[in-house]
Amino acid sequence: MKNGVSLLVAVALMALASSLASASDPSPLQDTCVAIDEPKNAVFVNGKFCKNPNLTVAEDFFYQGLNIPGNTTNRVGSNVTTVNVDAIPGLNTLGISLVRIDYAPYGQNPPHTHPRATEILTVLEGTLLVGFVTSNPQTSKPPL
């Protein structure tokens, strides 16, 4: 009987200790951390080195060319223009990126994933047929 009580107490303590454990991603958000390639006197954050905040300029948050259509004469009939921290260094640690996708008639965007991300689509001209694959098909609902 004493062994059974000891085992029960041990299991209860382990359950209590494991309920106190916590795991999460660190928050990537901060005021600014403009990405630079030169590590001299820089801080390493989010896989990039940060520019001295006193040296930050408006151009660190600017991208020119998103208004220019991409070339869709390829096998899939689409062109993706990516704007992320590599194109706009000021996006570092903000968790923001965007793309412009140009489609030829009947063009496609090959299957892809967005781990821990959200996708918003805006169609400016024409019709876009979109499908989603879920990892939890039991709770998925038919398209509207």
C-alpha atoms as a PDB file:
ATOM      1  CA  MET A   1       0.000   0.000   0.000  1.00  0.00           C
ATOM      2  CA  LYS A   2       2.841   2.360   0.863  1.00  0.00           C
ATOM      3  CA  ASN A   3       4.406   1.792  -2.619  1.00  0.00           C
ATOM      4  CA  GLY A   4       1.092   2.671  -4.262  1.00  0.00           C
ATOM      5  CA  VAL A   5       0.825   5.936  -2.301  1.00  0.00           C
ATOM      6  CA  SER A   6       4.440   6.834  -3.110  1.00  0.00           C
ATOM      7  CA  LEU A   7       3.829   6.189  -6.782  1.00  0.00           C
ATOM      8  CA  LEU A   8       0.657   8.277  -6.716  1.00  0.00           C
ATOM      9  CA  VAL A   9       2.465  11.159  -4.996  1.00  0.00           C
ATOM     10  CA  ALA A  10       5.335  10.947  -7.506  1.00  0.00           C
ATOM     11  CA  VAL A  11       2.937  11.001 -10.484  1.00  0.00           C
ATOM     12  CA  ALA A  12       1.005  13.914  -8.961  1.00  0.00           C
ATOM     13  CA  LEU A  13       4.216  15.905  -8.416  1.00  0.00           C
ATOM     14  CA  MET A  14       5.379  15.214 -11.994  1.00  0.00           C
ATOM     15  CA  ALA A  15       1.990  16.285 -13.362  1.00  0.00           C
ATOM     16  CA  LEU A  16       2.103  19.475 -11.277  1.00  0.00           C
ATOM     17  CA  ALA A  17       5.677  20.242 -12.356  1.00  0.00           C
ATOM     18  CA  SER A  18       4.950  19.643 -16.040  1.00  0.00           C
ATOM     19  CA  SER A  19       1.878  21.903 -15.930  1.00  0.00           C
ATOM     20  CA  LEU A  20       4.158  24.761 -14.909  1.00  0.00           C
ATOM     21  CA  ALA A  21       6.307  24.346 -18.018  1.00  0.00           C
ATOM     22  CA  SER A  22       5.813  26.860 -20.790  1.00  0.00           C
ATOM     23  CA  ALA A  23       7.119  27.089 -24.326  1.00  0.00           C
ATOM     24  CA  SER A  24       6.723  29.839 -26.924  1.00  0.00           C
ATOM     25  CA  ASP A  25       8.540  31.728 -29.602  1.00  0.00           C
ATOM     26  CA  PRO A  26      10.295  34.856 -28.428  1.00  0.00           C
ATOM     27  CA  SER A  27       8.561  38.030 -29.535  1.00  0.00           C
ATOM     28  CA  PRO A  28      10.298  39.313 -32.689  1.00  0.00           C
ATOM     29  CA  LEU A  29       8.772  42.767 -32.337  1.00  0.00           C
ATOM     30  CA  GLN A  30      10.740  45.839 -31.352  1.00  0.00           C
ATOM     31  CA  ASP A  31      10.874  49.452 -32.461  1.00  0.00           C
ATOM     32  CA  THR A  32      13.442  49.144 -35.246  1.00  0.00           C
ATOM     33  CA  CYS A  33      16.195  46.757 -36.135  1.00  0.00           C
ATOM     34  CA  VAL A  34      17.216  47.730 -39.651  1.00  0.00           C
ATOM     35  CA  ALA A  35      19.110  44.799 -41.137  1.00  0.00           C
ATOM     36  CA  ILE A  36      22.677  45.320 -42.317  1.00  0.00           C
ATOM     37  CA  ASP A  37      25.339  42.993 -43.672  1.00  0.00           C
ATOM     38  CA  GLU A  38      28.229  44.567 -41.736  1.00  0.00           C
ATOM     39  CA  PRO A  39      28.513  43.138 -38.211  1.00  0.00           C
ATOM     40  CA  LYS A  40      30.891  45.881 -36.987  1.00  0.00           C
ATOM     41  CA  ASN A  41      29.447  47.261 -33.727  1.00  0.00           C
ATOM     42  CA  ALA A  42      26.069  45.681 -34.534  1.00  0.00           C
ATOM     43  CA  VAL A  43      23.607  43.531 -32.613  1.00  0.00           C
ATOM     44  CA  PHE A  44      22.531  40.163 -34.047  1.00  0.00           C
ATOM     45  CA  VAL A  45      18.702  39.830 -34.007  1.00  0.00           C
ATOM     46  CA  ASN A  46      16.375  37.592 -36.036  1.00  0.00           C
ATOM     47  CA  GLY A  47      19.163  36.217 -38.228  1.00  0.00           C
ATOM     48  CA  LYS A  48      20.400  39.670 -39.268  1.00  0.00           C
ATOM     49  CA  PHE A  49      22.685  42.310 -37.823  1.00  0.00           C
ATOM     50  CA  CYS A  50      20.984  45.543 -36.727  1.00  0.00           C
ATOM     51  CA  LYS A  51      22.027  48.974 -37.851  1.00  0.00           C
ATOM     52  CA  ASN A  52      22.648  51.595 -35.198  1.00  0.00           C
ATOM     53  CA  PRO A  53      19.179  53.181 -34.697  1.00  0.00           C
ATOM     54  CA  ASN A  54      20.755  56.650 -34.870  1.00  0.00           C
ATOM     55  CA  LEU A  55      21.831  55.892 -38.463  1.00  0.00           C
ATOM     56  CA  THR A  56      18.387  54.733 -39.659  1.00  0.00           C
ATOM     57  CA  VAL A  57      17.059  56.624 -42.702  1.00  0.00           C
ATOM     58  CA  ALA A  58      13.739  56.641 -44.590  1.00  0.00           C
ATOM     59  CA  GLU A  59      15.256  54.563 -47.428  1.00  0.00           C
ATOM     60  CA  ASP A  60      15.607  51.661 -44.969  1.00  0.00           C
ATOM     61  CA  PHE A  61      11.796  51.340 -45.145  1.00  0.00           C
ATOM     62  CA  PHE A  62      11.243  51.936 -48.862  1.00  0.00           C
ATOM     63  CA  TYR A  63      10.942  49.664 -51.894  1.00  0.00           C
ATOM     64  CA  GLN A  64      10.482  50.837 -55.447  1.00  0.00           C
ATOM     65  CA  GLY A  65       9.180  48.567 -58.185  1.00  0.00           C
ATOM     66  CA  LEU A  66       6.118  46.822 -56.783  1.00  0.00           C
ATOM     67  CA  ASN A  67       4.066  48.682 -59.386  1.00  0.00           C
ATOM     68  CA  ILE A  68       5.958  47.052 -62.282  1.00  0.00           C
ATOM     69  CA  PRO A  69       4.328  43.875 -63.706  1.00  0.00           C
ATOM     70  CA  GLY A  70       6.520  40.765 -63.660  1.00  0.00           C
ATOM     71  CA  ASN A  71       7.365  38.595 -66.654  1.00  0.00           C
ATOM     72  CA  THR A  72       4.868  35.688 -66.820  1.00  0.00           C
ATOM     73  CA  THR A  73       6.299  33.939 -69.899  1.00  0.00           C
ATOM     74  CA  ASN A  74       7.448  30.815 -68.063  1.00  0.00           C
ATOM     75  CA  ARG A  75       6.171  27.259 -67.472  1.00  0.00           C
ATOM     76  CA  VAL A  76       3.727  28.169 -64.703  1.00  0.00           C
ATOM     77  CA  GLY A  77       2.540  31.458 -66.194  1.00  0.00           C
ATOM     78  CA  SER A  78       3.187  33.538 -63.094  1.00  0.00           C
ATOM     79  CA  ASN A  79       5.807  35.792 -61.591  1.00  0.00           C
ATOM     80  CA  VAL A  80       6.355  36.459 -57.887  1.00  0.00           C
ATOM     81  CA  THR A  81       7.985  39.705 -56.773  1.00  0.00           C
ATOM     82  CA  THR A  82       8.995  39.233 -53.123  1.00  0.00           C
ATOM     83  CA  VAL A  83       9.353  42.159 -50.746  1.00  0.00           C
ATOM     84  CA  ASN A  84      10.874  41.061 -47.443  1.00  0.00           C
ATOM     85  CA  VAL A  85      13.751  42.040 -45.166  1.00  0.00           C
ATOM     86  CA  ASP A  86      16.189  41.458 -48.042  1.00  0.00           C
ATOM     87  CA  ALA A  87      14.394  44.121 -50.113  1.00  0.00           C
ATOM     88  CA  ILE A  88      13.397  46.449 -47.247  1.00  0.00           C
ATOM     89  CA  PRO A  89      15.943  46.187 -44.412  1.00  0.00           C
ATOM     90  CA  GLY A  90      13.621  48.051 -42.030  1.00  0.00           C
ATOM     91  CA  LEU A  91      11.232  45.068 -41.999  1.00  0.00           C
ATOM     92  CA  ASN A  92      13.697  43.055 -39.899  1.00  0.00           C
ATOM     93  CA  THR A  93      12.011  41.729 -36.714  1.00  0.00           C
ATOM     94  CA  LEU A  94       8.601  43.163 -37.680  1.00  0.00           C
ATOM     95  CA  GLY A  95       7.253  39.853 -39.008  1.00  0.00           C
ATOM     96  CA  ILE A  96       6.134  41.461 -42.280  1.00  0.00           C
ATOM     97  CA  SER A  97       6.683  40.465 -45.881  1.00  0.00           C
ATOM     98  CA  LEU A  98       4.570  40.765 -49.004  1.00  0.00           C
ATOM     99  CA  VAL A  99       4.573  39.699 -52.626  1.00  0.00           C
ATOM    100  CA  ARG A 100       3.138  40.816 -55.906  1.00  0.00           C
ATOM    101  CA  ILE A 101       2.056  37.894 -58.078  1.00  0.00           C
ATOM    102  CA  ASP A 102       1.354  38.468 -61.758  1.00  0.00           C
ATOM    103  CA  TYR A 103      -0.536  35.754 -63.644  1.00  0.00           C
ATOM    104  CA  ALA A 104      -0.808  35.117 -67.350  1.00  0.00           C
ATOM    105  CA  PRO A 105      -4.218  33.750 -68.439  1.00  0.00           C
ATOM    106  CA  TYR A 106      -4.471  30.234 -66.895  1.00  0.00           C
ATOM    107  CA  GLY A 107      -1.262  30.876 -64.954  1.00  0.00           C
ATOM    108  CA  GLN A 108      -0.602  29.022 -61.719  1.00  0.00           C
ATOM    109  CA  ASN A 109       1.078  29.552 -58.413  1.00  0.00           C
ATOM    110  CA  PRO A 110       2.686  26.198 -57.488  1.00  0.00           C
ATOM    111  CA  PRO A 111       1.629  24.649 -54.164  1.00  0.00           C
ATOM    112  CA  HIS A 112       3.427  26.217 -51.249  1.00  0.00           C
ATOM    113  CA  THR A 113       3.151  26.709 -47.493  1.00  0.00           C
ATOM    114  CA  HIS A 114       3.193  29.634 -45.100  1.00  0.00           C
ATOM    115  CA  PRO A 115       4.301  28.233 -41.741  1.00  0.00           C
ATOM    116  CA  ARG A 116       3.197  30.542 -38.930  1.00  0.00           C
ATOM    117  CA  ALA A 117       2.064  33.151 -41.417  1.00  0.00           C
ATOM    118  CA  THR A 118      -1.070  34.607 -42.935  1.00  0.00           C
ATOM    119  CA  GLU A 119      -1.886  35.231 -46.569  1.00  0.00           C
ATOM    120  CA  ILE A 120      -4.205  37.958 -47.832  1.00  0.00           C
ATOM    121  CA  LEU A 121      -5.053  38.109 -51.534  1.00  0.00           C
ATOM    122  CA  THR A 122      -6.247  41.140 -53.458  1.00  0.00           C
ATOM    123  CA  VAL A 123      -7.201  40.585 -57.093  1.00  0.00           C
ATOM    124  CA  LEU A 124      -7.044  43.789 -59.125  1.00  0.00           C
ATOM    125  CA  GLU A 125      -8.242  42.380 -62.424  1.00  0.00           C
ATOM    126  CA  GLY A 126      -9.756  39.053 -63.493  1.00  0.00           C
ATOM    127  CA  THR A 127     -10.686  36.013 -61.425  1.00  0.00           C
ATOM    128  CA  LEU A 128      -8.416  33.900 -59.257  1.00  0.00           C
ATOM    129  CA  LEU A 129      -9.362  30.359 -58.242  1.00  0.00           C
ATOM    130  CA  VAL A 130      -7.793  29.459 -54.894  1.00  0.00           C
ATOM    131  CA  GLY A 131      -7.702  26.231 -52.908  1.00  0.00           C
ATOM    132  CA  PHE A 132      -6.527  25.545 -49.378  1.00  0.00           C
ATOM    133  CA  VAL A 133      -5.184  22.331 -47.894  1.00  0.00           C
ATOM    134  CA  THR A 134      -5.635  21.937 -44.158  1.00  0.00           C
ATOM    135  CA  SER A 135      -3.881  19.661 -41.712  1.00  0.00           C
ATOM    136  CA  ASN A 136      -7.145  19.129 -39.862  1.00  0.00           C
ATOM    137  CA  PRO A 137      -9.698  17.959 -42.467  1.00  0.00           C
ATOM    138  CA  GLN A 138     -12.203  16.818 -39.805  1.00  0.00           C
ATOM    139  CA  THR A 139     -13.059  20.422 -38.959  1.00  0.00           C
ATOM    140  CA  SER A 140     -12.647  22.037 -42.362  1.00  0.00           C
ATOM    141  CA  LYS A 141     -15.701  23.609 -43.914  1.00  0.00           C
ATOM    142  CA  PRO A 142     -16.681  23.652 -47.583  1.00  0.00           C
ATOM    143  CA  PRO A 143     -15.819  26.849 -49.489  1.00  0.00           C
ATOM    144  CA  LEU A 144     -18.367  29.625 -49.460  1.00  0.00           C
END
